[in-house]
Amino acid sequence: MADISNKERFRQRYAKRNPDLNMDDEEAYYGSVNQFMDEYEGYEGNSKKMRENLSKSPAFAELMVAARDQDDFDPVVWMVQNKGLDLKALADDPDYSQKLADAHNAYLEKLAKQDEIEKQMSENMPASVEAIRAKASEMGLSDDQAEEVIGNMYQVMDDLIVGKLDPSIFEMMAKGMNYNQDVEAAREEGVAEGINKKVTDKLKDLSGKQERPRGRQGARQEKPVTQDVNNPFL
């Protein structure tokens, strides 16, 4: 087998990992690579935080290693077996009992908030779906195109949760804001130009009526009739 370059080896591995990607489309290819790097850097950051936490708590590090090799791992049992955790002493400790009670109340509050969020989602989602369908129809988008846009919207939300701000999304929204401003400015300019044109045409029409040429019987002298000109635009 002939040796291949590192570039070609990478392309082969990446194509195998992304079978639906058109490797000849540079925009799609580099966009996918950028997304892959964003995900990798996110994993790298999480891994670094995990290592820092493990180094601060040796007991936690031991617990994590032990959990890796057991399918039915019980951290409380492990603490009793390996660290001499005295559950009865903890239960009799009023300060620790209060900590456990506070932790349990916090858990119940979290469940209540989750239930409220799920309730709001179930109420809002049908109306949102209908609104999106109407807007997609207004824009002439197909169902596949609409689903792709919705998928991108969910990706943006997922990124925001983990603190990722995509510069391309920022650019798109900024351009959208400028577009709306440009459209409004163009509309106002168009209205102004339309009014100016109407005024100019009306003045030309009035001027033409005042300077109407005489016919061949121009020898007859008539006293010009003076009349007031009413310009509706002035």
C-alpha atoms as a PDB file:
ATOM      1  CA  MET A   1       0.000   0.000   0.000  1.00  0.00           C
ATOM      2  CA  ALA A   2       1.434   3.330  -1.080  1.00  0.00           C
ATOM      3  CA  ASP A   3       2.130   5.962   1.532  1.00  0.00           C
ATOM      4  CA  ILE A   4      -0.385   8.799   1.682  1.00  0.00           C
ATOM      5  CA  SER A   5       0.032  12.302   2.997  1.00  0.00           C
ATOM      6  CA  ASN A   6      -1.185  13.350   6.414  1.00  0.00           C
ATOM      7  CA  LYS A   7      -3.714  15.603   4.703  1.00  0.00           C
ATOM      8  CA  GLU A   8      -5.227  12.750   2.729  1.00  0.00           C
ATOM      9  CA  ARG A   9      -5.184  10.458   5.773  1.00  0.00           C
ATOM     10  CA  PHE A  10      -7.094  13.077   7.761  1.00  0.00           C
ATOM     11  CA  ARG A  11      -9.627  13.546   4.963  1.00  0.00           C
ATOM     12  CA  GLN A  12     -10.214   9.802   4.780  1.00  0.00           C
ATOM     13  CA  ARG A  13     -10.730   9.539   8.541  1.00  0.00           C
ATOM     14  CA  TYR A  14     -13.004  12.571   8.575  1.00  0.00           C
ATOM     15  CA  ALA A  15     -15.045  11.297   5.618  1.00  0.00           C
ATOM     16  CA  LYS A  16     -15.500   7.972   7.419  1.00  0.00           C
ATOM     17  CA  ARG A  17     -16.662   9.813  10.520  1.00  0.00           C
ATOM     18  CA  ASN A  18     -19.064  12.016   8.482  1.00  0.00           C
ATOM     19  CA  PRO A  19     -20.408   9.855   5.626  1.00  0.00           C
ATOM     20  CA  ASP A  20     -23.101  12.394   4.662  1.00  0.00           C
ATOM     21  CA  LEU A  21     -20.633  15.276   4.296  1.00  0.00           C
ATOM     22  CA  ASN A  22     -19.650  16.455   0.807  1.00  0.00           C
ATOM     23  CA  MET A  23     -15.881  16.648   1.192  1.00  0.00           C
ATOM     24  CA  ASP A  24     -15.555  18.592  -2.084  1.00  0.00           C
ATOM     25  CA  ASP A  25     -17.747  21.428  -0.775  1.00  0.00           C
ATOM     26  CA  GLU A  26     -15.190  23.603   1.011  1.00  0.00           C
ATOM     27  CA  GLU A  27     -17.749  25.664   2.927  1.00  0.00           C
ATOM     28  CA  ALA A  28     -19.529  22.552   4.202  1.00  0.00           C
ATOM     29  CA  TYR A  29     -16.239  20.760   4.889  1.00  0.00           C
ATOM     30  CA  TYR A  30     -14.582  23.551   6.872  1.00  0.00           C
ATOM     31  CA  GLY A  31     -17.852  24.353   8.625  1.00  0.00           C
ATOM     32  CA  SER A  32     -18.038  20.752   9.831  1.00  0.00           C
ATOM     33  CA  VAL A  33     -14.380  20.820  10.901  1.00  0.00           C
ATOM     34  CA  ASN A  34     -14.987  24.040  12.873  1.00  0.00           C
ATOM     35  CA  GLN A  35     -17.966  22.457  14.615  1.00  0.00           C
ATOM     36  CA  PHE A  36     -15.860  19.389  15.413  1.00  0.00           C
ATOM     37  CA  MET A  37     -13.138  21.597  16.902  1.00  0.00           C
ATOM     38  CA  ASP A  38     -15.703  23.511  18.980  1.00  0.00           C
ATOM     39  CA  GLU A  39     -16.996  20.230  20.404  1.00  0.00           C
ATOM     40  CA  TYR A  40     -13.473  18.974  21.039  1.00  0.00           C
ATOM     41  CA  GLU A  41     -12.477  22.163  22.847  1.00  0.00           C
ATOM     42  CA  GLY A  42     -15.632  21.862  24.950  1.00  0.00           C
ATOM     43  CA  TYR A  43     -14.741  18.300  25.908  1.00  0.00           C
ATOM     44  CA  GLU A  44     -11.184  19.400  26.598  1.00  0.00           C
ATOM     45  CA  GLY A  45     -12.386  22.155  28.925  1.00  0.00           C
ATOM     46  CA  ASN A  46     -14.716  19.791  30.790  1.00  0.00           C
ATOM     47  CA  SER A  47     -11.926  17.232  31.115  1.00  0.00           C
ATOM     48  CA  LYS A  48      -9.624  19.875  32.579  1.00  0.00           C
ATOM     49  CA  LYS A  49     -12.231  20.871  35.159  1.00  0.00           C
ATOM     50  CA  MET A  50     -12.762  17.222  36.055  1.00  0.00           C
ATOM     51  CA  ARG A  51      -9.049  16.688  36.603  1.00  0.00           C
ATOM     52  CA  GLU A  52      -8.883  19.783  38.802  1.00  0.00           C
ATOM     53  CA  ASN A  53     -11.803  18.559  40.910  1.00  0.00           C
ATOM     54  CA  LEU A  54     -10.293  15.094  41.253  1.00  0.00           C
ATOM     55  CA  SER A  55      -6.982  16.559  42.378  1.00  0.00           C
ATOM     56  CA  LYS A  56      -8.735  18.631  45.060  1.00  0.00           C
ATOM     57  CA  SER A  57     -10.631  15.641  46.472  1.00  0.00           C
ATOM     58  CA  PRO A  58      -8.708  12.329  46.543  1.00  0.00           C
ATOM     59  CA  ALA A  59     -11.752  10.555  47.997  1.00  0.00           C
ATOM     60  CA  PHE A  60     -13.865  11.710  45.058  1.00  0.00           C
ATOM     61  CA  ALA A  61     -11.169  10.497  42.656  1.00  0.00           C
ATOM     62  CA  GLU A  62     -11.152   7.065  44.302  1.00  0.00           C
ATOM     63  CA  LEU A  63     -14.935   6.924  44.148  1.00  0.00           C
ATOM     64  CA  MET A  64     -14.911   7.727  40.422  1.00  0.00           C
ATOM     65  CA  VAL A  65     -12.353   5.005  39.718  1.00  0.00           C
ATOM     66  CA  ALA A  66     -14.370   2.471  41.718  1.00  0.00           C
ATOM     67  CA  ALA A  67     -17.610   3.407  39.936  1.00  0.00           C
ATOM     68  CA  ARG A  68     -16.005   2.787  36.559  1.00  0.00           C
ATOM     69  CA  ASP A  69     -15.678  -0.958  37.219  1.00  0.00           C
ATOM     70  CA  GLN A  70     -19.154  -1.598  38.702  1.00  0.00           C
ATOM     71  CA  ASP A  71     -22.508  -1.577  36.930  1.00  0.00           C
ATOM     72  CA  ASP A  72     -24.563  -1.352  40.154  1.00  0.00           C
ATOM     73  CA  PHE A  73     -22.241   1.007  41.992  1.00  0.00           C
ATOM     74  CA  ASP A  74     -23.611   2.493  45.234  1.00  0.00           C
ATOM     75  CA  PRO A  75     -21.525   5.463  46.447  1.00  0.00           C
ATOM     76  CA  VAL A  76     -22.969   5.315  49.993  1.00  0.00           C
ATOM     77  CA  VAL A  77     -22.060   1.631  50.395  1.00  0.00           C
ATOM     78  CA  TRP A  78     -18.613   2.337  48.941  1.00  0.00           C
ATOM     79  CA  MET A  79     -18.050   5.149  51.457  1.00  0.00           C
ATOM     80  CA  VAL A  80     -19.057   2.849  54.337  1.00  0.00           C
ATOM     81  CA  GLN A  81     -16.795   0.039  53.121  1.00  0.00           C
ATOM     82  CA  ASN A  82     -13.752   2.102  52.137  1.00  0.00           C
ATOM     83  CA  LYS A  83     -13.916   5.305  54.195  1.00  0.00           C
ATOM     84  CA  GLY A  84     -15.656   4.143  57.377  1.00  0.00           C
ATOM     85  CA  LEU A  85     -18.667   6.391  56.874  1.00  0.00           C
ATOM     86  CA  ASP A  86     -20.842   6.207  60.021  1.00  0.00           C
ATOM     87  CA  LEU A  87     -24.412   6.766  58.855  1.00  0.00           C
ATOM     88  CA  LYS A  88     -25.851   6.570  62.388  1.00  0.00           C
ATOM     89  CA  ALA A  89     -23.513   9.270  63.632  1.00  0.00           C
ATOM     90  CA  LEU A  90     -24.502  11.483  60.722  1.00  0.00           C
ATOM     91  CA  ALA A  91     -28.189  10.915  61.425  1.00  0.00           C
ATOM     92  CA  ASP A  92     -27.670  11.934  65.066  1.00  0.00           C
ATOM     93  CA  ASP A  93     -25.742  15.085  64.102  1.00  0.00           C
ATOM     94  CA  PRO A  94     -28.271  18.002  64.091  1.00  0.00           C
ATOM     95  CA  ASP A  95     -26.108  20.185  61.848  1.00  0.00           C
ATOM     96  CA  TYR A  96     -25.658  17.449  59.269  1.00  0.00           C
ATOM     97  CA  SER A  97     -29.333  16.507  59.491  1.00  0.00           C
ATOM     98  CA  GLN A  98     -30.193  20.111  58.662  1.00  0.00           C
ATOM     99  CA  LYS A  99     -27.843  20.019  55.672  1.00  0.00           C
ATOM    100  CA  LEU A 100     -29.588  16.889  54.415  1.00  0.00           C
ATOM    101  CA  ALA A 101     -33.012  18.490  54.927  1.00  0.00           C
ATOM    102  CA  ASP A 102     -31.941  21.629  53.048  1.00  0.00           C
ATOM    103  CA  ALA A 103     -30.521  19.528  50.225  1.00  0.00           C
ATOM    104  CA  HIS A 104     -33.758  17.538  49.966  1.00  0.00           C
ATOM    105  CA  ASN A 105     -35.845  20.731  49.891  1.00  0.00           C
ATOM    106  CA  ALA A 106     -33.620  22.120  47.141  1.00  0.00           C
ATOM    107  CA  TYR A 107     -34.185  18.911  45.182  1.00  0.00           C
ATOM    108  CA  LEU A 108     -37.963  19.227  45.568  1.00  0.00           C
ATOM    109  CA  GLU A 109     -37.829  22.872  44.416  1.00  0.00           C
ATOM    110  CA  LYS A 110     -35.828  21.821  41.379  1.00  0.00           C
ATOM    111  CA  LEU A 111     -38.446  19.201  40.526  1.00  0.00           C
ATOM    112  CA  ALA A 112     -41.207  21.798  40.894  1.00  0.00           C
ATOM    113  CA  LYS A 113     -39.389  24.177  38.537  1.00  0.00           C
ATOM    114  CA  GLN A 114     -38.893  21.385  36.022  1.00  0.00           C
ATOM    115  CA  ASP A 115     -42.598  20.559  36.177  1.00  0.00           C
ATOM    116  CA  GLU A 116     -43.462  24.231  35.625  1.00  0.00           C
ATOM    117  CA  ILE A 117     -41.075  24.458  32.667  1.00  0.00           C
ATOM    118  CA  GLU A 118     -42.523  21.298  31.132  1.00  0.00           C
ATOM    119  CA  LYS A 119     -46.034  22.699  31.607  1.00  0.00           C
ATOM    120  CA  GLN A 120     -45.100  25.946  29.852  1.00  0.00           C
ATOM    121  CA  MET A 121     -43.444  24.023  27.030  1.00  0.00           C
ATOM    122  CA  SER A 122     -46.528  21.860  26.495  1.00  0.00           C
ATOM    123  CA  GLU A 123     -48.684  25.006  26.388  1.00  0.00           C
ATOM    124  CA  ASN A 124     -46.403  27.109  24.172  1.00  0.00           C
ATOM    125  CA  MET A 125     -45.113  24.519  21.706  1.00  0.00           C
ATOM    126  CA  PRO A 126     -48.320  23.975  19.641  1.00  0.00           C
ATOM    127  CA  ALA A 127     -48.754  27.712  19.039  1.00  0.00           C
ATOM    128  CA  SER A 128     -45.046  28.073  18.236  1.00  0.00           C
ATOM    129  CA  VAL A 129     -45.194  25.227  15.711  1.00  0.00           C
ATOM    130  CA  GLU A 130     -48.184  26.788  13.950  1.00  0.00           C
ATOM    131  CA  ALA A 131     -46.478  30.202  13.888  1.00  0.00           C
ATOM    132  CA  ILE A 132     -43.312  28.688  12.399  1.00  0.00           C
ATOM    133  CA  ARG A 133     -45.310  26.805   9.765  1.00  0.00           C
ATOM    134  CA  ALA A 134     -47.141  29.987   8.791  1.00  0.00           C
ATOM    135  CA  LYS A 135     -43.894  31.957   8.526  1.00  0.00           C
ATOM    136  CA  ALA A 136     -42.224  29.173   6.514  1.00  0.00           C
ATOM    137  CA  SER A 137     -45.184  29.140   4.112  1.00  0.00           C
ATOM    138  CA  GLU A 138     -45.040  32.936   3.825  1.00  0.00           C
ATOM    139  CA  MET A 139     -41.322  32.722   2.970  1.00  0.00           C
ATOM    140  CA  GLY A 140     -41.860  29.905   0.478  1.00  0.00           C
ATOM    141  CA  LEU A 141     -39.758  27.373   2.417  1.00  0.00           C
ATOM    142  CA  SER A 142     -40.200  23.639   2.035  1.00  0.00           C
ATOM    143  CA  ASP A 143     -40.782  21.367   5.034  1.00  0.00           C
ATOM    144  CA  ASP A 144     -37.173  20.153   4.866  1.00  0.00           C
ATOM    145  CA  GLN A 145     -35.857  23.712   4.791  1.00  0.00           C
ATOM    146  CA  ALA A 146     -38.057  24.698   7.736  1.00  0.00           C
ATOM    147  CA  GLU A 147     -36.872  21.681   9.740  1.00  0.00           C
ATOM    148  CA  GLU A 148     -33.257  22.589   8.994  1.00  0.00           C
ATOM    149  CA  VAL A 149     -33.798  26.134  10.278  1.00  0.00           C
ATOM    150  CA  ILE A 150     -35.511  24.821  13.421  1.00  0.00           C
ATOM    151  CA  GLY A 151     -32.609  22.424  13.970  1.00  0.00           C
ATOM    152  CA  ASN A 152     -30.195  25.350  13.760  1.00  0.00           C
ATOM    153  CA  MET A 153     -32.305  27.268  16.285  1.00  0.00           C
ATOM    154  CA  TYR A 154     -32.122  24.371  18.742  1.00  0.00           C
ATOM    155  CA  GLN A 155     -28.364  24.142  18.172  1.00  0.00           C
ATOM    156  CA  VAL A 156     -28.028  27.820  19.082  1.00  0.00           C
ATOM    157  CA  MET A 157     -29.980  27.218  22.307  1.00  0.00           C
ATOM    158  CA  ASP A 158     -27.821  24.213  23.180  1.00  0.00           C
ATOM    159  CA  ASP A 159     -24.688  26.277  22.596  1.00  0.00           C
ATOM    160  CA  LEU A 160     -25.971  29.129  24.774  1.00  0.00           C
ATOM    161  CA  ILE A 161     -26.588  26.723  27.659  1.00  0.00           C
ATOM    162  CA  VAL A 162     -22.896  25.792  27.684  1.00  0.00           C
ATOM    163  CA  GLY A 163     -21.758  29.387  27.113  1.00  0.00           C
ATOM    164  CA  LYS A 164     -20.943  29.140  23.388  1.00  0.00           C
ATOM    165  CA  LEU A 165     -21.660  32.168  21.187  1.00  0.00           C
ATOM    166  CA  ASP A 166     -21.314  31.414  17.482  1.00  0.00           C
ATOM    167  CA  PRO A 167     -19.860  34.454  15.624  1.00  0.00           C
ATOM    168  CA  SER A 168     -21.701  33.398  12.453  1.00  0.00           C
ATOM    169  CA  ILE A 169     -25.056  33.599  14.283  1.00  0.00           C
ATOM    170  CA  PHE A 170     -24.089  37.022  15.640  1.00  0.00           C
ATOM    171  CA  GLU A 171     -23.214  38.182  12.125  1.00  0.00           C
ATOM    172  CA  MET A 172     -26.481  36.853  10.712  1.00  0.00           C
ATOM    173  CA  MET A 173     -28.591  38.626  13.345  1.00  0.00           C
ATOM    174  CA  ALA A 174     -26.618  41.856  12.933  1.00  0.00           C
ATOM    175  CA  LYS A 175     -27.144  41.747   9.171  1.00  0.00           C
ATOM    176  CA  GLY A 176     -30.831  41.103   9.747  1.00  0.00           C
ATOM    177  CA  MET A 177     -31.096  44.190  11.947  1.00  0.00           C
ATOM    178  CA  ASN A 178     -29.263  46.310   9.374  1.00  0.00           C
ATOM    179  CA  TYR A 179     -31.461  44.888   6.613  1.00  0.00           C
ATOM    180  CA  ASN A 180     -34.629  45.988   8.394  1.00  0.00           C
ATOM    181  CA  GLN A 181     -33.182  49.459   8.910  1.00  0.00           C
ATOM    182  CA  ASP A 182     -32.097  49.660   5.262  1.00  0.00           C
ATOM    183  CA  VAL A 183     -35.538  48.559   4.063  1.00  0.00           C
ATOM    184  CA  GLU A 184     -37.227  51.200   6.214  1.00  0.00           C
ATOM    185  CA  ALA A 185     -34.807  53.887   4.997  1.00  0.00           C
ATOM    186  CA  ALA A 186     -35.375  52.845   1.385  1.00  0.00           C
ATOM    187  CA  ARG A 187     -39.127  52.907   1.913  1.00  0.00           C
ATOM    188  CA  GLU A 188     -39.012  56.411   3.384  1.00  0.00           C
ATOM    189  CA  GLU A 189     -36.718  57.562   0.590  1.00  0.00           C
ATOM    190  CA  GLY A 190     -39.048  56.047  -1.990  1.00  0.00           C
ATOM    191  CA  VAL A 191     -42.054  57.806  -0.486  1.00  0.00           C
ATOM    192  CA  ALA A 192     -40.188  61.131  -0.493  1.00  0.00           C
ATOM    193  CA  GLU A 193     -39.093  60.643  -4.109  1.00  0.00           C
ATOM    194  CA  GLY A 194     -42.647  59.734  -5.080  1.00  0.00           C
ATOM    195  CA  ILE A 195     -44.045  62.898  -3.505  1.00  0.00           C
ATOM    196  CA  ASN A 196     -41.363  65.065  -5.141  1.00  0.00           C
ATOM    197  CA  LYS A 197     -42.123  63.504  -8.521  1.00  0.00           C
ATOM    198  CA  LYS A 198     -45.847  64.162  -8.115  1.00  0.00           C
ATOM    199  CA  VAL A 199     -45.166  67.788  -7.187  1.00  0.00           C
ATOM    200  CA  THR A 200     -42.804  68.261 -10.150  1.00  0.00           C
ATOM    201  CA  ASP A 201     -45.241  66.652 -12.598  1.00  0.00           C
ATOM    202  CA  LYS A 202     -48.117  68.763 -11.293  1.00  0.00           C
ATOM    203  CA  LEU A 203     -46.126  71.983 -11.607  1.00  0.00           C
ATOM    204  CA  LYS A 204     -45.111  71.055 -15.148  1.00  0.00           C
ATOM    205  CA  ASP A 205     -48.736  70.363 -16.004  1.00  0.00           C
ATOM    206  CA  LEU A 206     -49.863  73.684 -14.592  1.00  0.00           C
ATOM    207  CA  SER A 207     -47.050  75.501 -16.382  1.00  0.00           C
ATOM    208  CA  GLY A 208     -48.035  73.898 -19.689  1.00  0.00           C
ATOM    209  CA  LYS A 209     -51.623  75.029 -19.299  1.00  0.00           C
ATOM    210  CA  GLN A 210     -50.520  78.649 -18.758  1.00  0.00           C
ATOM    211  CA  GLU A 211     -48.247  78.694 -21.831  1.00  0.00           C
ATOM    212  CA  ARG A 212     -50.707  77.078 -24.253  1.00  0.00           C
ATOM    213  CA  PRO A 213     -49.671  78.005 -27.851  1.00  0.00           C
ATOM    214  CA  ARG A 214     -52.012  80.061 -30.043  1.00  0.00           C
ATOM    215  CA  GLY A 215     -53.538  78.766 -33.293  1.00  0.00           C
ATOM    216  CA  ARG A 216     -53.330  80.354 -36.783  1.00  0.00           C
ATOM    217  CA  GLN A 217     -55.977  82.914 -35.898  1.00  0.00           C
ATOM    218  CA  GLY A 218     -53.424  84.567 -33.684  1.00  0.00           C
ATOM    219  CA  ALA A 219     -54.139  88.010 -35.126  1.00  0.00           C
ATOM    220  CA  ARG A 220     -57.120  88.313 -32.864  1.00  0.00           C
ATOM    221  CA  GLN A 221     -56.031  89.983 -29.665  1.00  0.00           C
ATOM    222  CA  GLU A 222     -57.803  88.892 -26.518  1.00  0.00           C
ATOM    223  CA  LYS A 223     -57.304  90.193 -23.071  1.00  0.00           C
ATOM    224  CA  PRO A 224     -55.709  87.467 -21.011  1.00  0.00           C
ATOM    225  CA  VAL A 225     -57.873  86.199 -18.216  1.00  0.00           C
ATOM    226  CA  THR A 226     -56.105  86.168 -14.901  1.00  0.00           C
ATOM    227  CA  GLN A 227     -56.967  83.283 -12.580  1.00  0.00           C
ATOM    228  CA  ASP A 228     -55.500  82.037  -9.356  1.00  0.00           C
ATOM    229  CA  VAL A 229     -53.575  78.786  -9.512  1.00  0.00           C
ATOM    230  CA  ASN A 230     -54.411  76.425  -6.685  1.00  0.00           C
ATOM    231  CA  ASN A 231     -51.432  74.062  -6.108  1.00  0.00           C
ATOM    232  CA  PRO A 232     -52.628  71.252  -3.842  1.00  0.00           C
ATOM    233  CA  PHE A 233     -49.030  70.339  -2.944  1.00  0.00           C
ATOM    234  CA  LEU A 234     -48.059  73.802  -1.621  1.00  0.00           C
END
